[in-house]
Amino acid sequence: MLLGNAAIRQHGDRISAARDLSVLGQNSDAAAQALMGVLASDPNPAVHSAAASGLGSAAFPSAAPIQALIKALASDKSAEVRRAAVEGLSIIGVDSESALQALRNASNSDPDTGVRQAAQTVYRRFSSN
């Protein structure tokens, strides 16, 4: 697995690998799974953020990336990661009640003002459709 390779130690390298996966792995379940794994487990918030952005920007063939972004938005400790999850949901599209609910919750109660504002903007855009 590209992101789990022992040679990829520095977080800058892991960020680059996450970005590369989102571009080179478009329409690939393996790439989506790798990015979801990074989002769930990498110790560095900047790497989480890159994985969240990658999940949103690539056209992955399943609903699992949306669920991973919802989970990151609801529970990641880093505001940077939660903002990236909102951005990812904005790009990938919100086609489920659970995604709308997560955005609504974040817009009302996220501790970070920037996350609340971003979530509110995306929620309004998708809930008016």
Protein backbone atom coordinates (compact mmCIF):
# COMPACT_ATOMS: atom_id res chain seq x y z
CA MET A 1 0.00 0.00 0.00
CA LEU A 2 1.43 3.36 -1.06
CA LEU A 3 0.63 5.28 2.14
CA GLY A 4 1.61 2.49 4.51
CA ASN A 5 5.08 2.04 3.02
CA ALA A 6 7.87 2.40 5.58
CA ALA A 7 9.70 4.71 3.18
CA ILE A 8 6.95 7.30 3.51
CA ARG A 9 7.78 8.57 6.98
CA GLN A 10 7.66 12.34 6.79
CA HIS A 11 4.24 13.93 6.91
CA GLY A 12 5.06 16.02 3.84
CA ASP A 13 5.62 12.82 1.89
CA ARG A 14 2.35 11.38 3.22
CA ILE A 15 0.50 14.56 2.23
CA SER A 16 1.95 14.29 -1.29
CA ALA A 17 1.01 10.62 -1.46
CA ALA A 18 -2.58 11.40 -0.42
CA ARG A 19 -2.82 14.10 -3.09
CA ASP A 20 -1.33 11.78 -5.69
CA LEU A 21 -3.81 9.05 -4.81
CA SER A 22 -6.74 11.40 -5.30
CA VAL A 23 -5.51 12.24 -8.79
CA LEU A 24 -4.00 8.97 -9.98
CA GLY A 25 -6.51 6.74 -8.23
CA GLN A 26 -9.71 8.33 -9.45
CA ASN A 27 -12.49 5.79 -9.86
CA SER A 28 -10.48 3.28 -7.84
CA ASP A 29 -11.87 1.55 -4.78
CA ALA A 30 -8.32 0.76 -3.64
CA ALA A 31 -7.36 4.45 -3.70
CA ALA A 32 -10.54 5.40 -1.85
CA GLN A 33 -9.86 2.74 0.78
CA ALA A 34 -6.28 3.97 1.22
CA LEU A 35 -7.40 7.58 1.64
CA MET A 36 -10.13 6.56 4.10
CA GLY A 37 -7.53 4.62 6.09
CA VAL A 38 -5.27 7.67 6.23
CA LEU A 39 -8.18 9.89 7.25
CA ALA A 40 -9.02 7.51 10.08
CA SER A 41 -5.56 6.74 11.38
CA ASP A 42 -2.69 9.02 10.40
CA PRO A 43 -1.40 10.90 13.45
CA ASN A 44 -0.84 14.18 11.58
CA PRO A 45 -3.82 16.55 11.05
CA ALA A 46 -2.29 17.96 7.85
CA VAL A 47 -2.20 14.45 6.39
CA HIS A 48 -5.82 13.89 7.50
CA SER A 49 -6.75 17.12 5.78
CA ALA A 50 -5.06 16.08 2.53
CA ALA A 51 -6.88 12.74 2.65
CA ALA A 52 -10.25 14.45 3.25
CA SER A 53 -9.64 16.84 0.36
CA GLY A 54 -8.57 13.92 -1.83
CA LEU A 55 -11.72 11.97 -1.03
CA GLY A 56 -13.83 14.95 -2.02
CA SER A 57 -11.99 15.83 -5.19
CA ALA A 58 -11.80 12.36 -6.75
CA ALA A 59 -14.72 10.56 -8.35
CA PHE A 60 -14.76 7.41 -6.26
CA PRO A 61 -17.34 4.77 -7.19
CA SER A 62 -18.97 4.20 -3.78
CA ALA A 63 -20.69 6.01 -0.94
CA ALA A 64 -17.97 5.05 1.55
CA PRO A 65 -15.92 8.24 0.96
CA ILE A 66 -18.96 10.36 1.87
CA GLN A 67 -19.38 8.39 5.08
CA ALA A 68 -15.68 8.83 5.91
CA LEU A 69 -16.00 12.60 5.40
CA ILE A 70 -19.12 12.69 7.59
CA LYS A 71 -17.25 10.85 10.33
CA ALA A 72 -14.27 13.23 10.08
CA LEU A 73 -16.57 16.24 10.21
CA ALA A 74 -18.35 14.92 13.28
CA SER A 75 -15.42 13.65 15.29
CA ASP A 76 -11.95 14.74 14.20
CA LYS A 77 -10.13 16.80 16.83
CA SER A 78 -8.52 19.09 14.26
CA ALA A 79 -10.48 22.05 12.89
CA GLU A 80 -8.28 21.87 9.78
CA VAL A 81 -9.49 18.32 9.13
CA ARG A 82 -13.13 19.20 9.80
CA ARG A 83 -12.89 22.13 7.36
CA ALA A 84 -11.34 19.80 4.76
CA ALA A 85 -14.21 17.35 5.34
CA VAL A 86 -16.72 20.15 4.65
CA GLU A 87 -14.77 21.07 1.53
CA GLY A 88 -14.72 17.44 0.45
CA LEU A 89 -18.48 17.11 0.95
CA SER A 90 -18.97 20.31 -1.01
CA ILE A 91 -16.98 18.95 -3.95
CA ILE A 92 -18.19 15.35 -3.92
CA GLY A 93 -21.79 16.40 -3.38
CA VAL A 94 -24.23 15.76 -0.61
CA ASP A 95 -26.75 13.16 -1.66
CA SER A 96 -27.83 11.75 1.67
CA GLU A 97 -29.77 12.86 4.70
CA SER A 98 -26.86 11.82 6.92
CA ALA A 99 -24.50 14.20 5.10
CA LEU A 100 -26.99 17.05 5.36
CA GLN A 101 -27.48 16.28 9.05
CA ALA A 102 -23.72 16.29 9.67
CA LEU A 103 -23.40 19.65 7.93
CA ARG A 104 -26.35 21.04 9.89
CA ASN A 105 -24.84 19.81 13.16
CA ALA A 106 -21.44 21.30 12.33
CA SER A 107 -22.97 24.61 11.29
CA ASN A 108 -24.72 24.84 14.66
CA SER A 109 -22.23 23.40 17.10
CA ASP A 110 -18.68 23.00 15.80
CA PRO A 111 -16.28 24.71 18.21
CA ASP A 112 -14.43 26.39 15.32
CA THR A 113 -16.04 29.45 13.69
CA GLY A 114 -14.50 28.69 10.29
CA VAL A 115 -15.88 25.15 10.29
CA ARG A 116 -19.33 26.41 11.36
CA GLN A 117 -19.38 29.02 8.58
CA ALA A 118 -18.16 26.61 5.90
CA ALA A 119 -20.65 23.93 6.97
CA GLN A 120 -23.48 26.45 6.97
CA THR A 121 -22.64 27.59 3.43
CA VAL A 122 -22.49 24.04 2.08
CA TYR A 123 -25.61 22.99 4.01
CA ARG A 124 -27.61 25.90 2.56
CA ARG A 125 -26.42 25.15 -0.97
CA PHE A 126 -27.41 21.48 -0.83
CA SER A 127 -30.56 21.77 1.29
CA SER A 128 -32.07 24.26 -1.17
CA ASN A 129 -31.83 21.74 -4.02
